[in-house]
Amino acid sequence: MTETPLDPRIGLLASGRHYAYPQGHAAEPVIGTREEVEAALGLRIAAPASKPARSPGGRAKDAPAPLRRFRVVVRFEYPAWDLHEGIAYEGIEAVSRAEANAIVRRRARDDGHLGVGQGRAWLTATEEE
């Protein structure tokens, strides 16, 4: 497959991206793929924005996943006398249980609960209704 030669107004950066100055050298350059730069110069008709692909669940693949509410309990290997039931963090909004656990782990570390002397910590996230 032979590729058509570049327009003389288009340059190639060391990173492999293309650039051009469609409004002259006094304006900002357009940097991007060859197709994007050619479209900015008017050499190519820009492709119409296609519909986002859908996942089997019916949600667009690029759409962010909906946030769910979790209750995360932090339990310790060697708890203090008042922490045998663990520390509960209510209303954590996250996409998944793993993300909820990561949020609570950061909060517990900032609160000083994941310090020295309590041993390992286990985090259990359950989805709230």
C-alpha atoms as a PDB file:
ATOM      1  CA  MET A   1       0.000   0.000   0.000  1.00  0.00           C
ATOM      2  CA  THR A   2       1.517   3.302  -1.032  1.00  0.00           C
ATOM      3  CA  GLU A   3       0.739   6.354   1.009  1.00  0.00           C
ATOM      4  CA  THR A   4       0.047   9.664  -0.675  1.00  0.00           C
ATOM      5  CA  PRO A   5       2.802  12.231  -0.210  1.00  0.00           C
ATOM      6  CA  LEU A   6       2.464  14.893   2.459  1.00  0.00           C
ATOM      7  CA  ASP A   7       1.304  18.354   1.559  1.00  0.00           C
ATOM      8  CA  PRO A   8       4.326  20.702   1.745  1.00  0.00           C
ATOM      9  CA  ARG A   9       2.577  22.707   4.500  1.00  0.00           C
ATOM     10  CA  ILE A  10       2.519  19.683   6.837  1.00  0.00           C
ATOM     11  CA  GLY A  11       5.489  18.850   9.021  1.00  0.00           C
ATOM     12  CA  LEU A  12       6.357  15.722  10.983  1.00  0.00           C
ATOM     13  CA  LEU A  13       7.490  15.876  14.615  1.00  0.00           C
ATOM     14  CA  ALA A  14       9.982  13.457  16.178  1.00  0.00           C
ATOM     15  CA  SER A  15       7.098  11.939  18.171  1.00  0.00           C
ATOM     16  CA  GLY A  16       5.417  10.886  14.923  1.00  0.00           C
ATOM     17  CA  ARG A  17       2.657  13.484  15.158  1.00  0.00           C
ATOM     18  CA  HIS A  18       2.004  15.924  12.340  1.00  0.00           C
ATOM     19  CA  TYR A  19       1.702  19.726  12.481  1.00  0.00           C
ATOM     20  CA  ALA A  20       0.736  22.647  10.272  1.00  0.00           C
ATOM     21  CA  TYR A  21       0.043  26.378  10.524  1.00  0.00           C
ATOM     22  CA  PRO A  22      -3.342  26.801   8.794  1.00  0.00           C
ATOM     23  CA  GLN A  23      -3.750  30.419  10.015  1.00  0.00           C
ATOM     24  CA  GLY A  24      -0.146  31.402   9.311  1.00  0.00           C
ATOM     25  CA  HIS A  25       2.969  31.302  11.482  1.00  0.00           C
ATOM     26  CA  ALA A  26       1.659  34.050  13.783  1.00  0.00           C
ATOM     27  CA  ALA A  27      -1.112  31.714  15.037  1.00  0.00           C
ATOM     28  CA  GLU A  28      -0.898  28.484  17.001  1.00  0.00           C
ATOM     29  CA  PRO A  29      -0.087  25.328  15.019  1.00  0.00           C
ATOM     30  CA  VAL A  30      -2.458  22.408  14.634  1.00  0.00           C
ATOM     31  CA  ILE A  31      -0.826  19.264  16.027  1.00  0.00           C
ATOM     32  CA  GLY A  32      -2.324  15.805  15.704  1.00  0.00           C
ATOM     33  CA  THR A  33      -2.705  12.876  13.380  1.00  0.00           C
ATOM     34  CA  ARG A  34      -2.210  13.324   9.668  1.00  0.00           C
ATOM     35  CA  GLU A  35      -5.960  13.176   9.105  1.00  0.00           C
ATOM     36  CA  GLU A  36      -6.621  15.880  11.725  1.00  0.00           C
ATOM     37  CA  VAL A  37      -4.007  18.211  10.242  1.00  0.00           C
ATOM     38  CA  GLU A  38      -5.221  17.640   6.681  1.00  0.00           C
ATOM     39  CA  ALA A  39      -8.789  18.365   7.800  1.00  0.00           C
ATOM     40  CA  ALA A  40      -7.612  21.605   9.458  1.00  0.00           C
ATOM     41  CA  LEU A  41      -5.956  22.650   6.192  1.00  0.00           C
ATOM     42  CA  GLY A  42      -9.095  21.815   4.225  1.00  0.00           C
ATOM     43  CA  LEU A  43      -7.431  19.023   2.261  1.00  0.00           C
ATOM     44  CA  ARG A  44      -9.694  16.350   3.676  1.00  0.00           C
ATOM     45  CA  ILE A  45     -13.289  16.409   4.774  1.00  0.00           C
ATOM     46  CA  ALA A  46     -13.446  15.716   8.481  1.00  0.00           C
ATOM     47  CA  ALA A  47     -15.094  12.400   9.240  1.00  0.00           C
ATOM     48  CA  PRO A  48     -18.478  12.814  10.912  1.00  0.00           C
ATOM     49  CA  ALA A  49     -18.572  11.919  14.563  1.00  0.00           C
ATOM     50  CA  SER A  50     -19.824   8.372  14.784  1.00  0.00           C
ATOM     51  CA  LYS A  51     -22.187   7.097  17.426  1.00  0.00           C
ATOM     52  CA  PRO A  52     -20.352   5.681  20.429  1.00  0.00           C
ATOM     53  CA  ALA A  53     -20.191   1.912  20.492  1.00  0.00           C
ATOM     54  CA  ARG A  54     -22.499   0.250  22.979  1.00  0.00           C
ATOM     55  CA  SER A  55     -21.618  -2.470  25.410  1.00  0.00           C
ATOM     56  CA  PRO A  56     -23.879  -5.511  25.844  1.00  0.00           C
ATOM     57  CA  GLY A  57     -25.483  -3.784  28.848  1.00  0.00           C
ATOM     58  CA  GLY A  58     -26.741  -0.969  26.625  1.00  0.00           C
ATOM     59  CA  ARG A  59     -24.415   1.712  28.025  1.00  0.00           C
ATOM     60  CA  ALA A  60     -22.046   3.533  25.682  1.00  0.00           C
ATOM     61  CA  LYS A  61     -18.492   2.198  26.086  1.00  0.00           C
ATOM     62  CA  ASP A  62     -17.041   5.690  26.576  1.00  0.00           C
ATOM     63  CA  ALA A  63     -19.734   6.737  29.049  1.00  0.00           C
ATOM     64  CA  PRO A  64     -18.637   6.732  32.681  1.00  0.00           C
ATOM     65  CA  ALA A  65     -19.968   3.923  34.795  1.00  0.00           C
ATOM     66  CA  PRO A  66     -22.654   4.977  37.263  1.00  0.00           C
ATOM     67  CA  LEU A  67     -21.556   5.585  40.838  1.00  0.00           C
ATOM     68  CA  ARG A  68     -22.842   3.253  43.521  1.00  0.00           C
ATOM     69  CA  ARG A  69     -22.929   3.792  47.294  1.00  0.00           C
ATOM     70  CA  PHE A  70     -20.904   1.494  49.519  1.00  0.00           C
ATOM     71  CA  ARG A  71     -20.426   0.886  53.227  1.00  0.00           C
ATOM     72  CA  VAL A  72     -16.811  -0.056  53.901  1.00  0.00           C
ATOM     73  CA  VAL A  73     -15.692  -1.594  57.193  1.00  0.00           C
ATOM     74  CA  VAL A  74     -12.021  -1.567  58.187  1.00  0.00           C
ATOM     75  CA  ARG A  75     -11.035  -4.396  60.564  1.00  0.00           C
ATOM     76  CA  PHE A  76      -7.643  -4.820  62.181  1.00  0.00           C
ATOM     77  CA  GLU A  77      -5.472  -7.799  63.097  1.00  0.00           C
ATOM     78  CA  TYR A  78      -4.742  -6.366  66.562  1.00  0.00           C
ATOM     79  CA  PRO A  79      -7.592  -3.944  67.234  1.00  0.00           C
ATOM     80  CA  ALA A  80      -7.831  -1.621  70.189  1.00  0.00           C
ATOM     81  CA  TRP A  81     -10.474  -2.547  72.750  1.00  0.00           C
ATOM     82  CA  ASP A  82     -13.026  -0.214  71.161  1.00  0.00           C
ATOM     83  CA  LEU A  83     -12.360  -1.269  67.554  1.00  0.00           C
ATOM     84  CA  HIS A  84     -13.319  -4.972  67.655  1.00  0.00           C
ATOM     85  CA  GLU A  85     -16.245  -4.338  65.312  1.00  0.00           C
ATOM     86  CA  GLY A  86     -14.035  -2.299  62.990  1.00  0.00           C
ATOM     87  CA  ILE A  87     -14.463   1.233  61.689  1.00  0.00           C
ATOM     88  CA  ALA A  88     -17.359   1.806  59.297  1.00  0.00           C
ATOM     89  CA  TYR A  89     -17.242   4.383  56.520  1.00  0.00           C
ATOM     90  CA  GLU A  90     -20.772   4.990  55.221  1.00  0.00           C
ATOM     91  CA  GLY A  91     -21.914   6.456  51.912  1.00  0.00           C
ATOM     92  CA  ILE A  92     -18.757   5.966  49.863  1.00  0.00           C
ATOM     93  CA  GLU A  93     -19.589   6.699  46.214  1.00  0.00           C
ATOM     94  CA  ALA A  94     -17.527   4.678  43.748  1.00  0.00           C
ATOM     95  CA  VAL A  95     -17.831   2.686  40.535  1.00  0.00           C
ATOM     96  CA  SER A  96     -16.705  -0.610  42.069  1.00  0.00           C
ATOM     97  CA  ARG A  97     -15.930  -2.222  45.415  1.00  0.00           C
ATOM     98  CA  ALA A  98     -12.209  -2.036  44.659  1.00  0.00           C
ATOM     99  CA  GLU A  99     -12.442   1.710  44.104  1.00  0.00           C
ATOM    100  CA  ALA A 100     -14.479   2.124  47.314  1.00  0.00           C
ATOM    101  CA  ASN A 101     -11.813   0.186  49.235  1.00  0.00           C
ATOM    102  CA  ALA A 102      -9.072   2.385  47.750  1.00  0.00           C
ATOM    103  CA  ILE A 103     -10.938   5.561  48.753  1.00  0.00           C
ATOM    104  CA  VAL A 104     -11.423   4.309  52.310  1.00  0.00           C
ATOM    105  CA  ARG A 105      -7.816   3.116  52.576  1.00  0.00           C
ATOM    106  CA  ARG A 106      -6.675   6.680  51.738  1.00  0.00           C
ATOM    107  CA  ARG A 107      -9.156   8.191  54.221  1.00  0.00           C
ATOM    108  CA  ALA A 108      -8.155   5.776  56.983  1.00  0.00           C
ATOM    109  CA  ARG A 109      -4.473   6.518  56.382  1.00  0.00           C
ATOM    110  CA  ASP A 110      -5.188  10.278  56.506  1.00  0.00           C
ATOM    111  CA  ASP A 111      -7.258   9.812  59.688  1.00  0.00           C
ATOM    112  CA  GLY A 112      -4.382   7.938  61.346  1.00  0.00           C
ATOM    113  CA  HIS A 113      -6.208   4.604  61.613  1.00  0.00           C
ATOM    114  CA  LEU A 114      -3.680   2.665  59.521  1.00  0.00           C
ATOM    115  CA  GLY A 115      -0.801   3.339  61.843  1.00  0.00           C
ATOM    116  CA  VAL A 116       1.677   1.234  63.749  1.00  0.00           C
ATOM    117  CA  GLY A 117       0.545  -1.346  66.284  1.00  0.00           C
ATOM    118  CA  GLN A 118      -2.714  -2.579  64.807  1.00  0.00           C
ATOM    119  CA  GLY A 119      -1.264  -5.058  62.364  1.00  0.00           C
ATOM    120  CA  ARG A 120      -2.859  -5.789  59.053  1.00  0.00           C
ATOM    121  CA  ALA A 121      -6.126  -4.181  57.997  1.00  0.00           C
ATOM    122  CA  TRP A 122      -8.954  -5.780  56.040  1.00  0.00           C
ATOM    123  CA  LEU A 123     -11.462  -3.696  54.127  1.00  0.00           C
ATOM    124  CA  THR A 124     -14.907  -5.065  53.312  1.00  0.00           C
ATOM    125  CA  ALA A 125     -17.157  -3.087  50.986  1.00  0.00           C
ATOM    126  CA  THR A 126     -20.867  -3.860  50.745  1.00  0.00           C
ATOM    127  CA  GLU A 127     -23.264  -2.045  48.467  1.00  0.00           C
ATOM    128  CA  GLU A 128     -25.888   0.085  50.203  1.00  0.00           C
ATOM    129  CA  GLU A 129     -29.503  -0.074  49.109  1.00  0.00           C
END
